[in-house]
Protein backbone atom coordinates (compact mmCIF):
# COMPACT_ATOMS: atom_id res chain seq x y z
CA MET A 1 18.70 -25.99 1.56
CA ALA A 2 20.17 -26.30 5.07
CA VAL A 3 18.03 -24.28 7.24
CA THR A 4 17.79 -25.01 11.21
CA TRP A 5 14.68 -23.53 12.73
CA LEU A 6 15.35 -22.42 16.41
CA LYS A 7 11.99 -20.95 16.77
CA ARG A 8 8.78 -21.73 14.64
CA ALA A 9 5.50 -19.75 14.57
CA ALA A 10 2.59 -21.24 16.16
CA ARG A 11 0.21 -19.18 14.06
CA THR A 12 0.21 -17.71 10.54
CA PRO A 13 -1.07 -14.12 9.29
CA ALA A 14 -4.04 -15.88 7.88
CA SER A 15 -5.59 -16.82 11.12
CA ASN A 16 -9.12 -15.63 11.69
CA GLU A 17 -9.66 -14.19 8.26
CA ASP A 18 -12.92 -15.75 8.03
CA ALA A 19 -14.69 -14.04 10.93
CA ALA A 20 -13.43 -10.76 9.70
CA ARG A 21 -14.70 -11.43 6.04
CA GLU A 22 -18.26 -12.06 7.71
CA VAL A 23 -18.41 -8.95 9.79
CA ALA A 24 -17.00 -6.66 6.87
CA GLY A 25 -19.51 -8.12 4.44
CA ARG A 26 -22.38 -7.44 6.71
CA MET A 27 -21.33 -3.85 7.45
CA ILE A 28 -20.79 -2.89 3.93
CA ALA A 29 -24.13 -4.47 2.87
CA ALA A 30 -25.76 -2.18 5.79
CA VAL A 31 -24.07 0.96 4.43
CA GLU A 32 -25.00 0.31 0.79
CA ALA A 33 -28.59 -0.32 1.86
CA GLU A 34 -29.05 2.50 4.42
CA GLY A 35 -26.34 5.02 3.69
CA GLU A 36 -25.21 7.61 6.21
CA ALA A 37 -27.74 6.36 8.71
CA ALA A 38 -25.87 3.07 8.83
CA VAL A 39 -22.49 4.73 9.10
CA ARG A 40 -23.67 6.83 12.03
CA ARG A 41 -25.25 4.09 13.85
CA PHE A 42 -21.84 1.98 13.40
CA ALA A 43 -19.86 5.07 14.69
CA ARG A 44 -22.16 5.01 17.84
CA GLU A 45 -21.97 1.51 18.57
CA LEU A 46 -18.35 0.78 17.82
CA ASP A 47 -16.58 4.10 18.41
CA LYS A 48 -18.71 5.64 20.92
CA TRP A 49 -18.83 8.67 18.62
CA ASP A 50 -22.26 10.88 18.33
CA GLY A 51 -20.54 13.85 17.18
CA GLU A 52 -20.17 15.39 13.74
CA ILE A 53 -18.77 13.13 10.79
CA LEU A 54 -17.22 16.06 8.62
CA VAL A 55 -14.65 17.93 10.42
CA THR A 56 -15.20 21.70 9.43
CA LYS A 57 -12.23 24.07 8.93
CA GLU A 58 -12.93 26.16 11.87
CA GLU A 59 -12.88 23.01 14.05
CA ILE A 60 -9.41 22.02 12.64
CA ALA A 61 -8.08 25.44 13.28
CA ARG A 62 -9.33 25.24 16.61
CA ILE A 63 -7.78 21.88 17.65
CA ILE A 64 -4.44 22.38 15.94
CA ALA A 65 -3.81 25.63 17.61
CA ALA A 66 -2.94 23.82 20.81
CA ILE A 67 -0.18 21.67 19.38
CA PRO A 68 3.23 22.34 20.39
CA ALA A 69 5.55 23.89 17.97
CA GLN A 70 8.03 21.17 18.26
CA ALA A 71 5.48 18.58 17.15
CA LYS A 72 4.42 20.63 14.14
CA GLU A 73 7.98 21.11 13.19
CA ASP A 74 8.71 17.37 13.31
CA ILE A 75 5.60 16.46 11.55
CA ASP A 76 6.37 18.92 8.88
CA ALA A 77 9.76 17.58 8.48
CA ALA A 78 8.51 13.98 7.85
CA ILE A 79 5.78 15.19 5.39
CA ALA A 80 8.59 17.18 3.65
CA ASN A 81 10.63 14.04 3.14
CA VAL A 82 7.78 11.90 2.07
CA ARG A 83 6.74 14.72 -0.43
CA ARG A 84 10.13 14.89 -1.78
CA PHE A 85 10.53 11.21 -2.39
CA ALA A 86 7.03 11.00 -3.96
CA GLU A 87 7.82 13.79 -6.24
CA ALA A 88 10.94 12.17 -7.46
CA GLN A 89 8.99 9.18 -8.31
CA ARG A 90 6.51 11.23 -10.13
CA ASP A 91 9.32 12.76 -12.16
CA SER A 92 10.39 9.42 -13.10
CA ILE A 93 7.50 8.76 -14.90
CA ARG A 94 6.92 10.53 -18.21
CA ASP A 95 4.53 11.32 -21.12
CA PHE A 96 5.82 10.31 -24.42
CA GLU A 97 4.86 9.70 -28.08
CA ILE A 98 6.61 7.47 -30.85
CA GLU A 99 6.22 6.90 -34.26
CA VAL A 100 5.73 3.09 -34.12
CA SER A 101 5.45 2.55 -37.91
CA PRO A 102 5.58 5.11 -40.82
CA GLY A 103 2.54 7.29 -40.33
CA VAL A 104 1.40 5.88 -37.05
CA MET A 105 1.92 7.70 -33.81
CA ALA A 106 1.46 6.31 -30.24
CA GLY A 107 1.85 7.90 -27.03
CA GLN A 108 1.29 7.96 -23.13
CA ARG A 109 -0.36 10.44 -20.95
CA VAL A 110 0.17 9.98 -17.14
CA VAL A 111 -2.79 11.22 -15.42
CA PRO A 112 -3.79 11.12 -11.81
CA VAL A 113 -6.90 9.76 -10.44
CA ASN A 114 -9.60 12.37 -9.29
CA VAL A 115 -10.54 11.49 -5.89
CA VAL A 116 -8.64 9.25 -3.18
CA GLY A 117 -9.91 8.08 0.19
CA ALA A 118 -7.00 8.03 2.72
CA TYR A 119 -7.81 5.94 5.62
CA VAL A 120 -5.77 6.60 8.92
CA PRO A 121 -6.06 3.74 11.62
CA THR A 122 -6.58 4.64 15.41
CA GLY A 123 -6.33 1.95 17.99
CA ARG A 124 -3.86 1.45 20.70
CA TYR A 125 -1.53 4.31 19.27
CA ALA A 126 -2.12 7.43 17.50
CA HIS A 127 -0.82 6.87 13.88
CA ILE A 128 0.38 10.02 12.82
CA ALA A 129 2.83 8.99 10.07
CA SER A 130 0.17 6.86 8.41
CA ALA A 131 -1.86 10.27 7.69
CA TYR A 132 0.75 11.67 5.53
CA MET A 133 1.90 8.61 3.73
CA GLY A 134 -1.27 8.38 1.91
CA ILE A 135 -2.29 12.13 1.71
CA ALA A 136 0.98 13.57 0.78
CA THR A 137 1.71 10.88 -1.69
CA ALA A 138 -1.62 11.44 -3.59
CA LYS A 139 -0.89 15.12 -3.59
CA ALA A 140 2.46 14.49 -5.17
CA ALA A 141 0.70 12.46 -7.80
CA GLY A 142 -1.43 15.44 -8.76
CA VAL A 143 -4.63 14.04 -7.03
CA ARG A 144 -7.34 16.73 -6.92
CA HIS A 145 -9.32 15.78 -3.86
CA VAL A 146 -8.34 13.76 -0.88
CA VAL A 147 -10.78 12.75 1.56
CA ALA A 148 -9.21 11.47 5.05
CA CYS A 149 -10.65 9.45 7.33
CA SER A 150 -9.67 8.56 10.91
CA ALA A 151 -11.51 7.15 13.94
CA PRO A 152 -12.47 9.05 17.04
CA TYR A 153 -9.54 8.67 19.52
CA ARG A 154 -10.58 7.05 22.54
CA GLY A 155 -14.07 8.42 22.54
CA GLY A 156 -13.21 11.68 21.42
CA PRO A 157 -12.49 13.52 17.98
CA ILE A 158 -9.73 12.69 15.86
CA HIS A 159 -6.35 12.60 17.79
CA PRO A 160 -5.05 16.20 17.35
CA LEU A 161 -1.57 15.21 15.98
CA VAL A 162 -3.13 12.93 13.38
CA LEU A 163 -5.63 16.06 12.50
CA TYR A 164 -2.64 18.23 12.16
CA ALA A 165 -0.85 15.73 9.78
CA MET A 166 -3.90 15.19 7.72
CA GLN A 167 -4.24 18.95 7.24
CA ALA A 168 -0.53 19.69 6.79
CA ALA A 169 -0.27 16.88 4.22
CA GLY A 170 -3.04 18.50 2.17
CA ALA A 171 -6.32 16.76 2.84
CA ASP A 172 -9.17 18.60 1.30
CA THR A 173 -11.90 16.89 3.32
CA ILE A 174 -11.58 15.20 6.68
CA LEU A 175 -14.05 12.89 8.35
CA THR A 176 -14.28 11.56 12.00
CA LEU A 177 -14.79 7.93 10.97
CA GLY A 178 -13.20 4.70 11.21
CA GLY A 179 -13.23 0.98 10.52
CA VAL A 180 -15.43 -0.89 8.02
CA GLN A 181 -17.88 1.97 8.02
CA ALA A 182 -15.30 4.46 6.94
CA ILE A 183 -14.13 2.38 3.94
CA ALA A 184 -17.68 1.88 2.73
CA ALA A 185 -18.22 5.67 3.20
CA LEU A 186 -15.35 6.43 1.06
CA ALA A 187 -16.20 4.11 -1.32
CA LEU A 188 -19.81 5.40 -1.95
CA GLY A 189 -19.07 9.02 -1.53
CA LEU A 190 -21.10 9.81 1.67
CA PHE A 191 -20.94 12.78 3.87
CA GLY A 192 -21.13 15.29 0.95
CA GLY A 193 -17.82 13.61 -0.60
CA ARG A 194 -17.26 12.05 -4.02
CA PRO A 195 -16.85 8.26 -4.39
CA ALA A 196 -13.22 7.48 -4.09
CA ASP A 197 -11.34 6.20 -7.23
CA VAL A 198 -8.80 4.78 -4.92
CA ILE A 199 -8.79 3.89 -1.19
CA VAL A 200 -5.41 3.60 0.56
CA GLY A 201 -4.10 3.22 4.08
CA PRO A 202 -3.38 0.69 6.63
CA GLY A 203 -5.91 -0.74 9.00
CA ASN A 204 -7.05 -3.65 11.02
CA LYS A 205 -8.28 -7.05 9.81
CA TYR A 206 -11.80 -5.71 9.46
CA VAL A 207 -10.69 -2.46 7.57
CA ALA A 208 -8.37 -4.84 5.31
CA GLU A 209 -11.40 -7.30 4.46
CA ALA A 210 -13.44 -4.12 3.69
CA LYS A 211 -10.96 -3.13 1.10
CA ARG A 212 -10.54 -6.50 -0.32
CA MET A 213 -14.52 -6.73 -0.88
CA LEU A 214 -14.79 -3.24 -2.36
CA PHE A 215 -11.72 -3.87 -4.69
CA GLY A 216 -12.97 -3.42 -8.43
CA ARG A 217 -15.52 -0.97 -7.41
CA VAL A 218 -12.60 1.28 -6.26
CA GLY A 219 -8.79 0.78 -6.48
CA ILE A 220 -6.84 -0.05 -3.40
CA ASP A 221 -3.14 0.07 -2.54
CA VAL A 222 -2.55 -3.32 -1.02
CA PHE A 223 -4.28 -6.30 0.39
CA ALA A 224 -2.88 -5.65 3.67
CA GLY A 225 -2.34 -7.86 6.78
CA PRO A 226 -0.69 -7.36 10.15
CA SER A 227 2.69 -5.54 10.15
CA GLU A 228 5.74 -7.83 9.42
CA VAL A 229 9.51 -7.31 10.08
CA GLN A 230 12.25 -9.74 9.00
CA VAL A 231 15.94 -9.16 9.79
CA ILE A 232 18.77 -11.08 8.07
CA ALA A 233 21.99 -10.82 10.23
CA ASP A 234 25.38 -12.41 10.36
CA ALA A 235 28.20 -12.69 12.76
CA THR A 236 28.91 -8.91 12.06
CA ALA A 237 25.58 -7.72 13.52
CA ASP A 238 25.00 -6.31 16.82
CA ALA A 239 22.58 -8.58 18.73
CA GLU A 240 21.07 -5.87 20.75
CA ILE A 241 20.19 -4.04 17.69
CA VAL A 242 18.71 -6.64 16.00
CA ALA A 243 16.77 -7.81 18.99
CA ALA A 244 15.48 -4.18 19.42
CA ASP A 245 14.26 -3.91 15.79
CA LEU A 246 12.55 -7.11 15.94
CA VAL A 247 10.57 -5.80 18.96
CA GLY A 248 10.13 -2.50 17.48
CA GLN A 249 7.83 -3.90 14.88
CA ALA A 250 6.28 -6.58 17.23
CA GLU A 251 4.60 -3.80 19.19
CA HIS A 252 2.34 -2.96 16.34
CA GLY A 253 0.02 -5.86 17.31
CA HIS A 254 -0.80 -9.19 18.55
CA GLU A 255 -0.58 -10.76 15.12
CA SER A 256 2.59 -8.99 13.76
CA PRO A 257 5.22 -11.64 12.74
CA ALA A 258 8.75 -10.83 13.64
CA TRP A 259 11.27 -12.94 11.87
CA LEU A 260 15.19 -13.48 12.16
CA VAL A 261 16.97 -15.21 9.40
CA ALA A 262 20.58 -15.69 10.79
CA LEU A 263 23.93 -16.94 9.63
CA ASP A 264 25.56 -17.32 12.98
CA ARG A 265 24.05 -19.61 15.74
CA ALA A 266 25.81 -17.50 18.49
CA LEU A 267 24.15 -14.35 17.20
CA ALA A 268 20.79 -16.09 16.72
CA GLU A 269 20.93 -17.42 20.43
CA ARG A 270 21.92 -13.92 21.95
CA VAL A 271 18.98 -12.33 20.02
CA MET A 272 16.52 -14.92 21.27
CA ALA A 273 17.59 -14.51 24.77
CA ARG A 274 17.46 -10.51 24.57
CA VAL A 275 14.13 -10.34 22.77
CA PRO A 276 11.85 -11.37 25.81
CA GLU A 277 13.86 -8.97 28.07
CA LEU A 278 13.18 -6.06 25.79
CA ILE A 279 9.53 -6.83 25.66
CA ALA A 280 9.09 -7.08 29.30
CA ALA A 281 10.73 -3.65 29.76
CA LEU A 282 8.06 -1.95 27.53
CA PRO A 283 4.89 -0.17 28.59
CA PRO A 284 1.91 -2.19 29.23
CA THR A 285 0.26 -1.57 25.93
CA ALA A 286 3.40 -2.26 23.90
CA ARG A 287 4.26 -5.19 25.98
CA ASP A 288 1.05 -7.02 25.54
CA ALA A 289 1.05 -6.84 21.92
CA ALA A 290 4.85 -7.47 21.41
CA GLU A 291 4.67 -10.47 23.91
CA ALA A 292 1.75 -12.25 21.86
CA ALA A 293 3.23 -11.37 18.62
CA TRP A 294 6.79 -12.96 19.45
CA ARG A 295 5.14 -15.97 21.16
CA ASP A 296 2.76 -17.01 18.18
CA TYR A 297 4.14 -15.31 15.28
CA GLY A 298 8.21 -15.34 15.81
CA GLU A 299 10.34 -17.23 14.00
CA VAL A 300 14.28 -17.84 14.04
CA ALA A 301 16.09 -19.60 11.13
CA LEU A 302 19.72 -20.40 11.02
CA CYS A 303 21.18 -20.74 7.40
CA ASP A 304 24.61 -22.11 6.43
CA THR A 305 25.22 -19.71 3.58
CA ARG A 306 24.18 -16.17 2.48
CA GLU A 307 22.77 -17.79 -0.74
CA GLU A 308 20.40 -19.78 1.37
CA ALA A 309 19.55 -16.78 3.54
CA ALA A 310 18.51 -14.91 0.56
CA GLU A 311 16.40 -17.67 -0.84
CA LEU A 312 14.63 -18.00 2.44
CA SER A 313 14.03 -14.44 2.62
CA ASP A 314 12.55 -14.30 -0.68
CA ARG A 315 10.10 -17.17 0.28
CA TYR A 316 9.03 -14.97 3.15
CA ALA A 317 8.56 -11.77 0.88
CA CYS A 318 8.62 -9.82 3.99
CA GLU A 319 6.92 -6.17 4.40
CA HIS A 320 10.00 -5.00 6.03
CA LEU A 321 13.29 -6.48 5.50
CA GLU A 322 16.46 -5.23 7.26
CA VAL A 323 19.80 -6.66 6.25
CA GLN A 324 22.60 -6.21 9.00
CA CYS A 325 25.35 -8.20 7.42
CA ALA A 326 28.72 -7.70 5.63
CA ASP A 327 28.71 -6.88 1.99
CA LEU A 328 25.35 -4.76 1.69
CA PRO A 329 25.72 -4.30 -2.04
CA TRP A 330 25.51 -8.09 -2.58
CA TRP A 331 22.39 -8.23 -0.49
CA ARG A 332 20.68 -5.23 -2.56
CA GLU A 333 21.40 -6.73 -5.70
CA ARG A 334 20.33 -10.52 -4.79
CA LEU A 335 17.27 -9.88 -2.82
CA THR A 336 14.07 -9.68 -4.96
CA ASN A 337 10.90 -9.99 -2.70
CA TYR A 338 10.15 -7.33 -0.01
CA GLY A 339 7.98 -4.44 0.72
CA SER A 340 10.83 -2.12 1.59
CA LEU A 341 14.59 -2.87 2.29
CA PHE A 342 16.71 -1.28 4.96
CA LEU A 343 20.39 -1.92 4.45
CA GLY A 344 22.96 -1.73 7.50
CA GLU A 345 22.40 -1.26 11.33
CA GLU A 346 22.39 2.54 10.61
CA SER A 347 19.00 2.03 8.80
CA THR A 348 15.78 0.75 10.79
CA VAL A 349 12.13 0.04 9.96
CA ALA A 350 11.08 2.78 12.31
CA PHE A 351 13.03 5.43 10.15
CA GLY A 352 10.84 4.14 7.10
CA ASP A 353 7.67 4.06 9.32
CA LYS A 354 7.92 7.50 10.37
CA CYS A 355 10.03 10.01 8.42
CA SER A 356 12.80 8.88 5.93
CA GLY A 357 10.74 9.23 2.89
CA PRO A 358 9.80 6.01 1.13
CA ASN A 359 6.29 4.96 1.86
CA HIS A 360 5.24 2.84 4.81
CA VAL A 361 2.07 1.36 3.38
CA LEU A 362 3.58 -1.92 2.08
CA PRO A 363 2.59 -5.49 0.81
CA THR A 364 2.18 -8.14 3.49
CA LYS A 365 1.26 -11.93 3.45
CA ALA A 366 3.91 -12.61 0.97
CA ALA A 367 2.37 -10.19 -1.56
CA ALA A 368 5.80 -8.56 -2.13
CA ARG A 369 6.26 -11.55 -4.65
CA TYR A 370 4.23 -9.61 -7.19
CA SER A 371 3.60 -6.18 -5.79
CA ALA A 372 5.06 -3.14 -4.10
CA GLY A 373 4.33 -0.69 -1.67
CA LEU A 374 2.27 2.55 -1.94
CA SER A 375 3.76 5.21 -4.23
CA VAL A 376 2.72 7.88 -6.66
CA HIS A 377 2.11 5.16 -9.34
CA LYS A 378 -0.92 3.79 -7.30
CA PHE A 379 -2.52 7.22 -8.17
CA LEU A 380 -1.44 7.54 -11.60
CA LYS A 381 -3.08 6.00 -14.81
CA PRO A 382 -0.62 5.67 -17.95
CA LEU A 383 -3.16 6.51 -20.56
CA THR A 384 -2.32 5.54 -24.13
CA TRP A 385 -3.18 7.22 -27.27
CA GLN A 386 -2.76 6.64 -31.20
CA SER A 387 -3.37 8.29 -34.61
CA ALA A 388 -2.35 7.66 -37.97
CA THR A 389 -1.97 9.33 -41.29
CA ARG A 390 -3.99 7.75 -44.20
CA GLU A 391 -0.96 6.20 -45.62
CA GLY A 392 -0.08 4.67 -42.04
CA ALA A 393 -3.67 3.48 -41.82
CA LYS A 394 -3.37 1.56 -45.15
CA ARG A 395 -0.79 -0.92 -43.74
CA LEU A 396 -2.62 -1.11 -40.27
CA SER A 397 -6.07 -1.98 -42.23
CA GLU A 398 -4.29 -4.52 -44.25
CA VAL A 399 -2.77 -6.38 -40.92
CA THR A 400 -5.91 -5.72 -38.96
CA ALA A 401 -8.14 -7.22 -41.66
CA ARG A 402 -6.36 -10.42 -42.04
CA ILE A 403 -5.62 -11.02 -38.21
CA SER A 404 -9.31 -10.21 -37.41
CA ARG A 405 -10.49 -13.00 -39.98
CA LEU A 406 -7.84 -15.49 -38.66
CA GLU A 407 -9.58 -14.90 -35.21
CA GLY A 408 -13.14 -15.27 -36.73
CA MET A 409 -13.90 -11.74 -36.01
CA GLU A 410 -15.49 -10.37 -39.23
CA ALA A 411 -16.92 -7.11 -38.05
CA HIS A 412 -13.32 -6.02 -37.01
CA ALA A 413 -11.99 -6.82 -40.40
CA ARG A 414 -14.75 -4.88 -42.10
CA THR A 415 -13.82 -1.61 -40.21
CA ALA A 416 -10.45 -2.14 -41.89
CA ASP A 417 -12.03 -2.96 -45.10
CA LEU A 418 -14.08 0.20 -45.05
CA ARG A 419 -11.07 2.57 -44.62
CA LEU A 420 -9.27 0.94 -47.41
CA ALA A 421 -12.35 1.22 -49.59
CA ARG A 422 -12.71 4.99 -48.91
CA TRP A 423 -9.20 6.07 -49.03
CA PHE A 424 -7.55 3.46 -51.67
CA PRO A 425 -10.33 2.47 -53.99
CA GLY A 426 -9.13 -0.05 -56.38
CA HIS A 427 -6.28 -1.56 -54.22
CA ASN A 428 -5.22 -5.02 -54.65
CA LEU A 429 -4.37 -5.88 -51.08
CA PRO A 430 -4.92 -9.38 -49.85
CA LEU A 431 -7.44 -9.13 -46.65
CA GLY A 432 -7.82 -12.70 -45.95
CA GLU A 433 -10.94 -14.86 -46.45
CA PRO A 434 -14.33 -13.44 -45.28
CA VAL A 435 -15.73 -15.42 -41.96
CA GLU A 436 -18.96 -17.20 -43.30
CA THR A 437 -20.07 -18.59 -39.74
C-alpha cells in the first residue's frame, strides 16, 4: 500500500489507561463495601455536591419551567428524530416461529431488558444530546424503567437543559450523580433504584474503565474511549469544510483523535494549514481541547488510490467516518469498519451528534471492527423457545442419544432414552453404545 504520512500522532487513545483503571477499581470497591455512604462521599469530594442525589418530580418541574421555549422545541425535535429512528430499528426485529422438522417447533421472542442505567456526561460542556440518545432509544425498545444520571454542573444541580432532555426523553428516575460513583450506583441499584441490567452512555476514561470492570455483572453499550473522527477526502472536497469537521470533533477533549485520509496532496496541505487557524479562533475551552487533540493525536495520510484509502480507513475502524469524495455509493458499499458513516459534505458528524436520528454512542479504539453503536438491539434479548409433538420428539431423541454418547455424556443420552421408552415402547432404534467410563 502506497501511503505517505504527512502527519503522525504522537500518542494513542490507549495512553494513561492504567491510571484510570486503578482509580476506577478502588472507587468501585469502596461503593460495594460502603454503599450509598461512599457514593455521597465521592460526590462531595469530586463534584462538590452535598445536595440530594434523587431528583424529585417537583424539583424537575421547578427547574425546567425557566427553560426558553425555543430550547425546548429544539430538544423535542431532536428527541423525535432519535425516537423515530430507534422505533424503525425495533420494527425491523421480529418474533417468529418455524417448524424446523416435522413435529418440532422453534421460535424467537424479542424481549426488552427491565432496567437501564443511562449515564449523561458533564464536564467542559453540557451534553444535552447524550441524554436522549440513551434514554429515548431504551424507551423505544420497550424498557420499563430507565434510571438517568448526570453530575452536578459546575457545582450546582444537573444542567437545566440536560435535565429537561432527560425528562422529555422518558427517564423514570433521575440522579444527580456523575463519574465512577454513578456507574457503581447504577450497577448496584442504590438510592431507591433497581440494579441496572444494562448501563449505557459516554463518559471520561474513568467512567469507561468503571463500565469495563462491571461488564458481566451488567451489560454495557461499548468499551468507549475518547471521541474520534476521520475524513476521507479527494480533490473534489472543500478544504474548509474538511478542516472544520476535523476541528469540530477535536474540541471534544485533549485525547480526541482527528484523522484525514486524503487522495489529493494539495487538498491535504490546505487542510493542514487551515486546521490550526480554525482552532486558534475557538473560545478558550474548546481551543485548549482541540489544540492538544490535533497536536498529539491528529494524523494525515495521503493515499494513491481509493482502494488504498478504503483499506486504511477500515484499519482505523473510526468512531465517526466522513466521506467527502466523488462516487459516494462506491464508498458506502466498500467501507466496512466504522461507528457511523456520513456521506458527502452535506452530512457532518455534528448532525449525528445532536439530532439527525442514528445514535451517537459509538465504538472507539478500533472496536468498530467487531461491534456497532448503541441501538435498540442493545436493550433487546432475542429469546428462543421450542416445543415438539411426540412424533417430533422421537427423531430428536434418536439423534440426541447418539450424539450425546459420541461426546461421552451418558446422562444427556438417557433423557432421550427415557422419552423413547415412555412413548414408543418396543422401538428398535439404534441409540449408540452406552458410556462406560
